[in-house]
């Protein structure tokens, strides 16, 4: 759809973003004003997080421990930052507590998509490609790029289940953990990192326990 100058003007007034960024946001969200506002906000937070994370030393932080009420599930998660001042803020500690609770309930296996072993990714891609071929056996063959897009979408769902940063946040499923993390970094104003976690469930084997 065509984006009008009035739409760009209104979006600039609300967000303070440049005209080109506003135009791109409106195009990406098909002219939906509220979605365009969120698009610009998330882009700005992600940019700030990336800038703060470049080459900074993060030796402070917290190790948060959560144990479920029935004592059958427990989580240890390490979150780093640059200074003990930030580590002791309510914002940082609340994020750590919420994240430990999230991990206990949604059981991710890796922090970031890049942490998933290549062999695991390739095996899942093979499964999804075979699944697509079985579902479409006897039908008109689609172009390779269309097939790749379909399989890619299924791989995204696979990562959303396994990867902490890509999961919908337990307490607010309108946001991903990555979006919440970017908000934390933008608010505290220094580099932060979810370094690693371990989730323990009573009765599971060592091979089943997740750590990143």
Protein backbone atom coordinates (compact mmCIF):
# COMPACT_ATOMS: atom_id res chain seq x y z
CA UNK A 1 0.00 0.00 0.00
CA UNK A 2 1.10 3.59 -0.59
CA UNK A 3 2.33 5.44 2.49
CA UNK A 4 1.22 9.07 2.66
CA UNK A 5 3.19 12.07 3.85
CA UNK A 6 0.53 12.63 6.55
CA UNK A 7 1.09 9.14 7.97
CA UNK A 8 4.83 9.77 8.11
CA UNK A 9 4.28 13.16 9.76
CA UNK A 10 2.02 11.69 12.45
CA UNK A 11 4.45 8.88 13.18
CA UNK A 12 7.36 11.33 13.46
CA UNK A 13 5.40 13.46 15.93
CA UNK A 14 4.80 10.46 18.20
CA UNK A 15 8.19 8.72 17.95
CA UNK A 16 10.67 11.46 17.06
CA UNK A 17 12.19 9.14 14.43
CA UNK A 18 13.48 10.38 11.07
CA UNK A 19 11.19 10.49 8.03
CA UNK A 20 12.96 7.63 6.24
CA UNK A 21 12.76 5.37 9.31
CA UNK A 22 9.08 6.24 9.71
CA UNK A 23 8.38 5.42 6.07
CA UNK A 24 10.18 2.06 6.38
CA UNK A 25 8.30 1.25 9.59
CA UNK A 26 4.93 2.00 7.98
CA UNK A 27 5.82 -0.06 4.91
CA UNK A 28 6.96 -2.99 7.07
CA UNK A 29 3.69 -2.93 9.04
CA UNK A 30 1.42 -2.24 6.04
CA UNK A 31 0.43 1.18 7.34
CA UNK A 32 -0.63 0.04 10.82
CA UNK A 33 0.20 3.05 13.03
CA UNK A 34 0.46 1.22 16.37
CA UNK A 35 2.55 -1.58 14.89
CA UNK A 36 4.81 1.01 13.26
CA UNK A 37 5.36 2.69 16.64
CA UNK A 38 6.34 -0.66 18.18
CA UNK A 39 8.53 -1.45 15.16
CA UNK A 40 10.54 1.75 15.64
CA UNK A 41 10.75 1.28 19.40
CA UNK A 42 12.07 -2.27 19.11
CA UNK A 43 14.54 -1.29 16.40
CA UNK A 44 15.88 1.51 18.60
CA UNK A 45 16.23 -0.76 21.63
CA UNK A 46 17.99 -3.46 19.62
CA UNK A 47 20.38 -0.88 18.17
CA UNK A 48 21.15 0.49 21.63
CA UNK A 49 21.76 -3.02 23.01
CA UNK A 50 24.11 -3.86 20.15
CA UNK A 51 26.05 -0.62 20.58
CA UNK A 52 26.42 -1.08 24.33
CA UNK A 53 27.49 -4.69 23.93
CA UNK A 54 30.39 -3.95 21.59
CA UNK A 55 33.72 -4.70 23.26
CA UNK A 56 32.58 -4.01 26.82
CA UNK A 57 33.75 -6.00 29.85
CA UNK A 58 30.97 -7.58 31.88
CA UNK A 59 32.36 -9.08 35.09
CA UNK A 60 29.54 -8.04 37.43
CA UNK A 61 25.97 -9.27 37.67
CA UNK A 62 23.97 -11.87 39.56
CA UNK A 63 23.51 -15.61 39.74
CA UNK A 64 19.80 -16.11 40.29
CA UNK A 65 18.38 -19.33 41.71
CA UNK A 66 14.76 -20.42 41.43
CA UNK A 67 13.14 -23.48 42.92
CA UNK A 68 9.57 -24.52 42.12
CA UNK A 69 7.13 -24.80 45.04
CA UNK A 70 7.05 -28.61 44.82
CA UNK A 71 10.88 -28.74 44.80
CA UNK A 72 10.87 -30.78 41.59
CA UNK A 73 12.28 -28.09 39.28
CA UNK A 74 15.15 -25.65 39.87
CA UNK A 75 17.01 -23.12 37.74
CA UNK A 76 20.36 -21.34 38.02
CA UNK A 77 20.96 -18.46 35.62
CA UNK A 78 23.91 -16.06 35.35
CA UNK A 79 23.30 -12.56 34.03
CA UNK A 80 26.26 -10.20 33.65
CA UNK A 81 26.64 -6.44 33.50
CA UNK A 82 29.49 -3.93 33.72
CA UNK A 83 29.08 -2.55 37.26
CA UNK A 84 27.90 -3.73 40.66
CA UNK A 85 25.75 -0.58 40.79
CA UNK A 86 23.58 -1.87 37.94
CA UNK A 87 23.70 -5.42 39.31
CA UNK A 88 22.08 -4.15 42.51
CA UNK A 89 19.30 -2.15 40.86
CA UNK A 90 15.71 -3.31 41.23
CA UNK A 91 15.29 -3.44 37.43
CA UNK A 92 18.23 -5.79 36.95
CA UNK A 93 17.35 -8.09 39.85
CA UNK A 94 13.69 -8.26 38.86
CA UNK A 95 14.71 -9.23 35.35
CA UNK A 96 16.93 -12.01 36.76
CA UNK A 97 14.12 -13.37 38.95
CA UNK A 98 11.59 -13.24 36.11
CA UNK A 99 14.03 -14.92 33.74
CA UNK A 100 14.71 -17.79 36.16
CA UNK A 101 10.95 -18.31 36.53
CA UNK A 102 10.55 -18.24 32.76
CA UNK A 103 13.27 -20.86 32.24
CA UNK A 104 11.72 -23.12 34.89
CA UNK A 105 8.37 -23.08 33.09
CA UNK A 106 9.30 -22.98 29.38
CA UNK A 107 12.44 -25.14 29.55
CA UNK A 108 14.63 -23.60 26.81
CA UNK A 109 17.82 -25.44 25.93
CA UNK A 110 20.04 -22.65 24.55
CA UNK A 111 20.48 -18.92 25.15
CA UNK A 112 20.85 -17.81 21.51
CA UNK A 113 20.11 -19.35 18.12
CA UNK A 114 23.86 -19.41 17.40
CA UNK A 115 24.34 -21.73 20.40
CA UNK A 116 22.33 -24.53 18.82
CA UNK A 117 24.80 -27.10 17.40
CA UNK A 118 24.97 -27.16 13.61
CA UNK A 119 24.25 -30.91 13.58
CA UNK A 120 21.00 -30.33 15.52
CA UNK A 121 19.93 -27.57 13.13
CA UNK A 122 20.73 -29.64 10.05
CA UNK A 123 18.88 -32.68 11.41
CA UNK A 124 15.76 -30.60 12.09
CA UNK A 125 15.93 -28.95 8.67
CA UNK A 126 16.07 -32.41 7.08
CA UNK A 127 13.03 -33.48 9.09
CA UNK A 128 11.06 -30.38 8.08
CA UNK A 129 12.00 -30.74 4.43
CA UNK A 130 10.92 -34.41 4.45
CA UNK A 131 7.68 -33.42 6.18
CA UNK A 132 6.99 -30.81 3.51
CA UNK A 133 7.66 -33.31 0.72
CA UNK A 134 5.32 -35.88 2.30
CA UNK A 135 2.55 -33.31 2.75
CA UNK A 136 2.85 -32.17 -0.86
CA UNK A 137 3.42 -35.50 -2.58
CA UNK A 138 1.55 -35.62 -5.89
CA UNK A 139 0.92 -31.86 -5.92
CA UNK A 140 2.38 -29.34 -8.32
CA UNK A 141 6.00 -28.66 -7.44
CA UNK A 142 6.66 -25.22 -5.97
CA UNK A 143 9.73 -23.09 -6.81
CA UNK A 144 12.79 -23.79 -4.66
CA UNK A 145 12.64 -20.34 -3.03
CA UNK A 146 9.03 -20.93 -1.94
CA UNK A 147 9.92 -24.29 -0.43
CA UNK A 148 12.86 -22.72 1.38
CA UNK A 149 10.59 -20.00 2.79
CA UNK A 150 8.12 -22.60 4.09
CA UNK A 151 10.86 -24.74 5.64
CA UNK A 152 12.50 -21.58 7.03
CA UNK A 153 9.25 -20.62 8.75
CA UNK A 154 9.05 -24.05 10.36
CA UNK A 155 12.67 -23.72 11.49
CA UNK A 156 11.80 -20.40 13.13
CA UNK A 157 9.12 -22.22 15.14
CA UNK A 158 11.72 -24.84 16.09
CA UNK A 159 14.07 -22.14 17.39
CA UNK A 160 11.25 -20.43 19.27
CA UNK A 161 10.77 -23.61 21.28
CA UNK A 162 14.45 -24.25 22.04
CA UNK A 163 16.09 -20.82 22.25
CA UNK A 164 15.59 -18.63 25.32
CA UNK A 165 15.98 -15.29 23.52
CA UNK A 166 13.33 -16.23 20.95
CA UNK A 167 10.68 -17.53 23.31
CA UNK A 168 7.60 -15.48 24.18
CA UNK A 169 8.08 -14.14 27.69
CA UNK A 170 6.17 -16.05 30.36
CA UNK A 171 4.66 -12.97 32.03
CA UNK A 172 3.89 -11.06 28.82
CA UNK A 173 3.56 -13.15 25.68
CA UNK A 174 3.34 -10.04 23.50
CA UNK A 175 7.12 -9.75 23.93
CA UNK A 176 10.02 -12.12 23.39
CA UNK A 177 12.77 -12.55 25.97
CA UNK A 178 15.07 -10.71 23.56
CA UNK A 179 12.74 -7.69 23.49
CA UNK A 180 12.56 -7.67 27.28
CA UNK A 181 16.35 -7.97 27.47
CA UNK A 182 16.80 -5.05 25.06
CA UNK A 183 14.52 -2.94 27.25
CA UNK A 184 16.69 -3.81 30.26
CA UNK A 185 19.89 -2.77 28.46
CA UNK A 186 18.35 0.48 27.24
CA UNK A 187 17.09 1.35 30.74
CA UNK A 188 20.24 0.54 32.75
CA UNK A 189 22.49 2.10 30.10
CA UNK A 190 25.30 -0.42 30.07
CA UNK A 191 26.17 -3.77 28.54
CA UNK A 192 24.35 -6.83 29.86
CA UNK A 193 24.50 -10.48 28.90
CA UNK A 194 22.57 -13.63 29.68
CA UNK A 195 25.66 -15.78 29.95
CA UNK A 196 24.37 -19.24 30.81
CA UNK A 197 21.71 -21.21 32.62
CA UNK A 198 20.98 -24.69 33.88
CA UNK A 199 17.56 -26.19 34.49
CA UNK A 200 17.12 -29.25 36.69
CA UNK A 201 13.98 -31.41 36.76
CA UNK A 202 13.70 -34.26 39.23
CA UNK A 203 14.30 -37.62 37.58
CA UNK A 204 15.82 -36.41 34.31
CA UNK A 205 19.19 -37.75 33.15
CA UNK A 206 22.30 -35.62 32.83
CA UNK A 207 21.96 -35.73 29.03
CA UNK A 208 18.46 -34.25 29.28
CA UNK A 209 19.37 -31.26 31.45
CA UNK A 210 19.68 -28.05 29.49
CA UNK A 211 22.60 -25.66 29.79
CA UNK A 212 23.82 -22.78 27.66
